[in-house]
PDB file of all heavy atoms in Angstrom:
ATOM      1  N   PRO A   1      -0.148  62.202  82.138  1.00  0.00           N
ATOM      2  CA  PRO A   1       0.422  62.578  83.427  1.00  0.00           C
ATOM      3  C   PRO A   1       0.771  64.069  83.497  1.00  0.00           C
ATOM      4  O   PRO A   1       1.164  64.670  82.469  1.00  0.00           O
ATOM      5  CB  PRO A   1       1.702  61.742  83.523  1.00  0.00           C
ATOM      6  CG  PRO A   1       2.093  61.516  82.085  1.00  0.00           C
ATOM      7  CD  PRO A   1       0.801  61.364  81.343  1.00  0.00           C
ATOM      8  N   SER A   2       0.573  64.654  84.613  1.00  0.00           N
ATOM      9  CA  SER A   2       0.908  66.061  84.829  1.00  0.00           C
ATOM     10  C   SER A   2       1.473  66.253  86.231  1.00  0.00           C
ATOM     11  O   SER A   2       0.748  65.992  87.226  1.00  0.00           O
ATOM     12  CB  SER A   2      -0.353  66.937  84.662  1.00  0.00           C
ATOM     13  OG  SER A   2      -0.055  68.305  84.923  1.00  0.00           O
ATOM     14  N   HIS A   3       2.727  66.580  86.319  1.00  0.00           N
ATOM     15  CA  HIS A   3       3.388  66.808  87.598  1.00  0.00           C
ATOM     16  C   HIS A   3       3.272  65.573  88.445  1.00  0.00           C
ATOM     17  O   HIS A   3       3.094  65.627  89.689  1.00  0.00           O
ATOM     18  CB  HIS A   3       2.780  68.012  88.336  1.00  0.00           C
ATOM     19  CG  HIS A   3       3.814  68.859  89.003  1.00  0.00           C
ATOM     20  ND1 HIS A   3       4.858  69.458  88.305  1.00  0.00           N
ATOM     21  CD2 HIS A   3       3.997  69.240  90.304  1.00  0.00           C
ATOM     22  CE1 HIS A   3       5.597  70.149  89.127  1.00  0.00           C
ATOM     23  NE2 HIS A   3       5.131  70.010  90.341  1.00  0.00           N
ATOM     24  N   ALA A   4       3.369  64.403  87.831  1.00  0.00           N
ATOM     25  CA  ALA A   4       3.243  63.114  88.530  1.00  0.00           C
ATOM     26  C   ALA A   4       4.557  62.689  89.182  1.00  0.00           C
ATOM     27  O   ALA A   4       5.640  63.032  88.692  1.00  0.00           O
ATOM     28  CB  ALA A   4       2.795  62.021  87.523  1.00  0.00           C
ATOM     29  N   PRO A   5       4.480  61.939  90.274  1.00  0.00           N
ATOM     30  CA  PRO A   5       5.714  61.365  90.817  1.00  0.00           C
ATOM     31  C   PRO A   5       6.267  60.282  89.885  1.00  0.00           C
ATOM     32  O   PRO A   5       5.495  59.714  89.071  1.00  0.00           O
ATOM     33  CB  PRO A   5       5.237  60.726  92.135  1.00  0.00           C
ATOM     34  CG  PRO A   5       3.775  60.431  91.904  1.00  0.00           C
ATOM     35  CD  PRO A   5       3.267  61.529  91.027  1.00  0.00           C
ATOM     36  N   ALA A   6       7.524  60.026  89.951  1.00  0.00           N
ATOM     37  CA  ALA A   6       8.179  59.063  89.063  1.00  0.00           C
ATOM     38  C   ALA A   6       9.088  58.134  89.848  1.00  0.00           C
ATOM     39  O   ALA A   6       9.530  58.467  90.952  1.00  0.00           O
ATOM     40  CB  ALA A   6       8.984  59.765  87.966  1.00  0.00           C
ATOM     41  N   ILE A   7       9.345  56.962  89.263  1.00  0.00           N
ATOM     42  CA  ILE A   7      10.285  56.034  89.864  1.00  0.00           C
ATOM     43  C   ILE A   7      11.032  55.337  88.736  1.00  0.00           C
ATOM     44  O   ILE A   7      10.450  55.005  87.735  1.00  0.00           O
ATOM     45  CB  ILE A   7       9.589  54.967  90.752  1.00  0.00           C
ATOM     46  CG1 ILE A   7      10.579  54.122  91.514  1.00  0.00           C
ATOM     47  CG2 ILE A   7       8.562  54.156  89.983  1.00  0.00           C
ATOM     48  CD1 ILE A   7       9.950  53.270  92.637  1.00  0.00           C
ATOM     49  N   VAL A   8      12.364  55.241  88.904  1.00  0.00           N
ATOM     50  CA  VAL A   8      13.193  54.568  87.917  1.00  0.00           C
ATOM     51  C   VAL A   8      13.845  53.348  88.560  1.00  0.00           C
ATOM     52  O   VAL A   8      14.463  53.456  89.643  1.00  0.00           O
ATOM     53  CB  VAL A   8      14.249  55.512  87.270  1.00  0.00           C
ATOM     54  CG1 VAL A   8      15.110  56.184  88.323  1.00  0.00           C
ATOM     55  CG2 VAL A   8      15.053  54.758  86.252  1.00  0.00           C
ATOM     56  N   PHE A   9      13.747  52.174  87.954  1.00  0.00           N
ATOM     57  CA  PHE A   9      14.259  50.931  88.458  1.00  0.00           C
ATOM     58  C   PHE A   9      15.553  50.544  87.695  1.00  0.00           C
ATOM     59  O   PHE A   9      15.578  50.634  86.463  1.00  0.00           O
ATOM     60  CB  PHE A   9      13.237  49.797  88.272  1.00  0.00           C
ATOM     61  CG  PHE A   9      12.066  49.861  89.218  1.00  0.00           C
ATOM     62  CD1 PHE A   9      10.904  50.545  88.782  1.00  0.00           C
ATOM     63  CD2 PHE A   9      12.104  49.270  90.439  1.00  0.00           C
ATOM     64  CE1 PHE A   9       9.809  50.612  89.648  1.00  0.00           C
ATOM     65  CE2 PHE A   9      10.961  49.284  91.257  1.00  0.00           C
ATOM     66  CZ  PHE A   9       9.854  49.980  90.895  1.00  0.00           C
ATOM     67  N   PHE A  10      16.527  50.043  88.432  1.00  0.00           N
ATOM     68  CA  PHE A  10      17.763  49.500  87.900  1.00  0.00           C
ATOM     69  C   PHE A  10      17.845  48.006  88.192  1.00  0.00           C
ATOM     70  O   PHE A  10      17.779  47.602  89.367  1.00  0.00           O
ATOM     71  CB  PHE A  10      18.975  50.256  88.465  1.00  0.00           C
ATOM     72  CG  PHE A  10      18.954  51.709  88.140  1.00  0.00           C
ATOM     73  CD1 PHE A  10      18.568  52.673  89.125  1.00  0.00           C
ATOM     74  CD2 PHE A  10      19.330  52.172  86.897  1.00  0.00           C
ATOM     75  CE1 PHE A  10      18.545  54.019  88.804  1.00  0.00           C
ATOM     76  CE2 PHE A  10      19.283  53.541  86.585  1.00  0.00           C
ATOM     77  CZ  PHE A  10      18.925  54.465  87.558  1.00  0.00           C
ATOM     78  N   PHE A  11      17.973  47.213  87.175  1.00  0.00           N
ATOM     79  CA  PHE A  11      17.962  45.731  87.302  1.00  0.00           C
ATOM     80  C   PHE A  11      19.206  45.260  88.025  1.00  0.00           C
ATOM     81  O   PHE A  11      20.255  45.910  88.079  1.00  0.00           O
ATOM     82  CB  PHE A  11      17.804  45.059  85.929  1.00  0.00           C
ATOM     83  CG  PHE A  11      18.905  45.395  84.968  1.00  0.00           C
ATOM     84  CD1 PHE A  11      20.154  44.765  84.991  1.00  0.00           C
ATOM     85  CD2 PHE A  11      18.732  46.386  83.991  1.00  0.00           C
ATOM     86  CE1 PHE A  11      21.131  45.065  84.082  1.00  0.00           C
ATOM     87  CE2 PHE A  11      19.728  46.701  83.052  1.00  0.00           C
ATOM     88  CZ  PHE A  11      20.930  46.023  83.112  1.00  0.00           C
ATOM     89  N   GLY A  12      19.115  44.052  88.574  1.00  0.00           N
ATOM     90  CA  GLY A  12      20.212  43.356  89.224  1.00  0.00           C
ATOM     91  C   GLY A  12      20.939  42.446  88.232  1.00  0.00           C
ATOM     92  O   GLY A  12      20.491  42.165  87.127  1.00  0.00           O
ATOM     93  N   GLY A  13      22.099  41.954  88.669  1.00  0.00           N
ATOM     94  CA  GLY A  13      22.898  41.062  87.868  1.00  0.00           C
ATOM     95  C   GLY A  13      24.400  41.183  88.108  1.00  0.00           C
ATOM     96  O   GLY A  13      25.213  40.823  87.274  1.00  0.00           O
ATOM     97  N   GLY A  14      24.716  41.658  89.311  1.00  0.00           N
ATOM     98  CA  GLY A  14      26.167  41.726  89.691  1.00  0.00           C
ATOM     99  C   GLY A  14      26.943  42.697  88.862  1.00  0.00           C
ATOM    100  O   GLY A  14      28.145  42.540  88.704  1.00  0.00           O
ATOM    101  N   TRP A  15      26.298  43.732  88.310  1.00  0.00           N
ATOM    102  CA  TRP A  15      26.919  44.687  87.366  1.00  0.00           C
ATOM    103  C   TRP A  15      27.442  43.987  86.129  1.00  0.00           C
ATOM    104  O   TRP A  15      28.238  44.577  85.405  1.00  0.00           O
ATOM    105  CB  TRP A  15      28.025  45.495  88.010  1.00  0.00           C
ATOM    106  CG  TRP A  15      27.744  46.163  89.325  1.00  0.00           C
ATOM    107  CD1 TRP A  15      26.916  47.185  89.552  1.00  0.00           C
ATOM    108  CD2 TRP A  15      28.330  45.841  90.548  1.00  0.00           C
ATOM    109  NE1 TRP A  15      26.916  47.496  90.879  1.00  0.00           N
ATOM    110  CE2 TRP A  15      27.794  46.686  91.499  1.00  0.00           C
ATOM    111  CE3 TRP A  15      29.276  44.905  90.985  1.00  0.00           C
ATOM    112  CZ2 TRP A  15      28.149  46.644  92.882  1.00  0.00           C
ATOM    113  CZ3 TRP A  15      29.621  44.839  92.324  1.00  0.00           C
ATOM    114  CH2 TRP A  15      29.081  45.727  93.231  1.00  0.00           C
ATOM    115  N   SER A  16      26.991  42.745  85.939  1.00  0.00           N
ATOM    116  CA  SER A  16      27.580  41.940  84.826  1.00  0.00           C
ATOM    117  C   SER A  16      26.553  41.534  83.831  1.00  0.00           C
ATOM    118  O   SER A  16      26.888  41.298  82.644  1.00  0.00           O
ATOM    119  CB  SER A  16      28.266  40.705  85.394  1.00  0.00           C
ATOM    120  OG  SER A  16      28.843  39.905  84.406  1.00  0.00           O
ATOM    121  N   SER A  17      25.295  41.376  84.239  1.00  0.00           N
ATOM    122  CA  SER A  17      24.220  40.918  83.338  1.00  0.00           C
ATOM    123  C   SER A  17      22.920  41.511  83.814  1.00  0.00           C
ATOM    124  O   SER A  17      22.877  42.373  84.667  1.00  0.00           O
ATOM    125  CB  SER A  17      24.220  39.405  83.327  1.00  0.00           C
ATOM    126  OG  SER A  17      23.954  38.879  84.589  1.00  0.00           O
ATOM    127  N   GLY A  18      21.799  40.964  83.249  1.00  0.00           N
ATOM    128  CA  GLY A  18      20.488  41.364  83.655  1.00  0.00           C
ATOM    129  C   GLY A  18      19.749  42.120  82.566  1.00  0.00           C
ATOM    130  O   GLY A  18      20.302  42.402  81.508  1.00  0.00           O
ATOM    131  N   THR A  19      18.479  42.440  82.820  1.00  0.00           N
ATOM    132  CA  THR A  19      17.615  43.072  81.831  1.00  0.00           C
ATOM    133  C   THR A  19      16.628  43.989  82.477  1.00  0.00           C
ATOM    134  O   THR A  19      16.155  43.714  83.643  1.00  0.00           O
ATOM    135  CB  THR A  19      16.867  42.014  81.019  1.00  0.00           C
ATOM    136  OG1 THR A  19      15.875  42.678  80.202  1.00  0.00           O
ATOM    137  CG2 THR A  19      16.155  41.033  81.906  1.00  0.00           C
ATOM    138  N   PRO A  20      16.260  45.094  81.837  1.00  0.00           N
ATOM    139  CA  PRO A  20      15.258  45.995  82.381  1.00  0.00           C
ATOM    140  C   PRO A  20      13.894  45.318  82.582  1.00  0.00           C
ATOM    141  O   PRO A  20      13.023  45.899  83.277  1.00  0.00           O
ATOM    142  CB  PRO A  20      15.179  47.111  81.340  1.00  0.00           C
ATOM    143  CG  PRO A  20      16.536  47.101  80.690  1.00  0.00           C
ATOM    144  CD  PRO A  20      16.920  45.661  80.633  1.00  0.00           C
ATOM    145  N   GLN A  21      13.669  44.158  81.993  1.00  0.00           N
ATOM    146  CA  GLN A  21      12.380  43.483  82.177  1.00  0.00           C
ATOM    147  C   GLN A  21      12.193  42.980  83.588  1.00  0.00           C
ATOM    148  O   GLN A  21      11.058  42.616  83.949  1.00  0.00           O
ATOM    149  CB  GLN A  21      12.259  42.343  81.158  1.00  0.00           C
ATOM    150  CG  GLN A  21      11.921  42.859  79.755  1.00  0.00           C
ATOM    151  CD  GLN A  21      11.464  41.764  78.820  1.00  0.00           C
ATOM    152  OE1 GLN A  21      12.297  41.037  78.295  1.00  0.00           O
ATOM    153  NE2 GLN A  21      10.164  41.640  78.669  1.00  0.00           N
ATOM    154  N   GLN A  22      13.225  42.944  84.391  1.00  0.00           N
ATOM    155  CA  GLN A  22      13.104  42.459  85.764  1.00  0.00           C
ATOM    156  C   GLN A  22      12.001  43.192  86.510  1.00  0.00           C
ATOM    157  O   GLN A  22      11.243  42.597  87.277  1.00  0.00           O
ATOM    158  CB  GLN A  22      14.426  42.599  86.507  1.00  0.00           C
ATOM    159  CG  GLN A  22      14.354  42.148  87.959  1.00  0.00           C
ATOM    160  CD  GLN A  22      15.639  42.240  88.707  1.00  0.00           C
ATOM    161  OE1 GLN A  22      16.601  42.904  88.259  1.00  0.00           O
ATOM    162  NE2 GLN A  22      15.763  41.635  89.854  1.00  0.00           N
ATOM    163  N   PHE A  23      11.894  44.481  86.322  1.00  0.00           N
ATOM    164  CA  PHE A  23      10.961  45.273  87.107  1.00  0.00           C
ATOM    165  C   PHE A  23       9.719  45.720  86.303  1.00  0.00           C
ATOM    166  O   PHE A  23       9.043  46.679  86.718  1.00  0.00           O
ATOM    167  CB  PHE A  23      11.688  46.506  87.715  1.00  0.00           C
ATOM    168  CG  PHE A  23      12.564  46.112  88.857  1.00  0.00           C
ATOM    169  CD1 PHE A  23      13.949  46.025  88.656  1.00  0.00           C
ATOM    170  CD2 PHE A  23      12.083  45.821  90.109  1.00  0.00           C
ATOM    171  CE1 PHE A  23      14.820  45.677  89.715  1.00  0.00           C
ATOM    172  CE2 PHE A  23      12.869  45.455  91.172  1.00  0.00           C
ATOM    173  CZ  PHE A  23      14.255  45.387  90.991  1.00  0.00           C
ATOM    174  N   GLU A  24       9.409  45.023  85.258  1.00  0.00           N
ATOM    175  CA  GLU A  24       8.203  45.317  84.501  1.00  0.00           C
ATOM    176  C   GLU A  24       6.932  45.229  85.336  1.00  0.00           C
ATOM    177  O   GLU A  24       6.099  46.111  85.258  1.00  0.00           O
ATOM    178  CB  GLU A  24       8.068  44.408  83.278  1.00  0.00           C
ATOM    179  CG  GLU A  24       6.856  44.708  82.447  1.00  0.00           C
ATOM    180  CD  GLU A  24       6.754  43.751  81.231  1.00  0.00           C
ATOM    181  OE1 GLU A  24       7.621  42.894  81.044  1.00  0.00           O
ATOM    182  OE2 GLU A  24       5.743  43.922  80.483  1.00  0.00           O
ATOM    183  N   PRO A  25       6.754  44.144  86.169  1.00  0.00           N
ATOM    184  CA  PRO A  25       5.503  44.096  86.977  1.00  0.00           C
ATOM    185  C   PRO A  25       5.338  45.302  87.898  1.00  0.00           C
ATOM    186  O   PRO A  25       4.223  45.833  88.039  1.00  0.00           O
ATOM    187  CB  PRO A  25       5.666  42.789  87.737  1.00  0.00           C
ATOM    188  CG  PRO A  25       6.606  41.986  86.953  1.00  0.00           C
ATOM    189  CD  PRO A  25       7.585  43.006  86.381  1.00  0.00           C
ATOM    190  N   GLN A  26       6.406  45.693  88.539  1.00  0.00           N
ATOM    191  CA  GLN A  26       6.345  46.823  89.431  1.00  0.00           C
ATOM    192  C   GLN A  26       5.996  48.129  88.665  1.00  0.00           C
ATOM    193  O   GLN A  26       5.176  48.959  89.131  1.00  0.00           O
ATOM    194  CB  GLN A  26       7.664  47.030  90.169  1.00  0.00           C
ATOM    195  CG  GLN A  26       7.964  45.927  91.204  1.00  0.00           C
ATOM    196  CD  GLN A  26       8.628  44.710  90.652  1.00  0.00           C
ATOM    197  OE1 GLN A  26       8.679  44.517  89.445  1.00  0.00           O
ATOM    198  NE2 GLN A  26       9.166  43.880  91.537  1.00  0.00           N
ATOM    199  N   CYS A  27       6.619  48.264  87.496  1.00  0.00           N
ATOM    200  CA  CYS A  27       6.344  49.453  86.674  1.00  0.00           C
ATOM    201  C   CYS A  27       4.865  49.508  86.279  1.00  0.00           C
ATOM    202  O   CYS A  27       4.198  50.572  86.346  1.00  0.00           O
ATOM    203  CB  CYS A  27       7.231  49.489  85.463  1.00  0.00           C
ATOM    204  SG  CYS A  27       8.920  49.974  85.745  1.00  0.00           S
TER     205      CYS A  27
END
């Protein structure tokens, strides 16, 4: 990548639980 756009995903879980794997398909 060179000067590419980026996106960062934050998982859900009520600020109590969850995992970064939630948004693996989108990534």
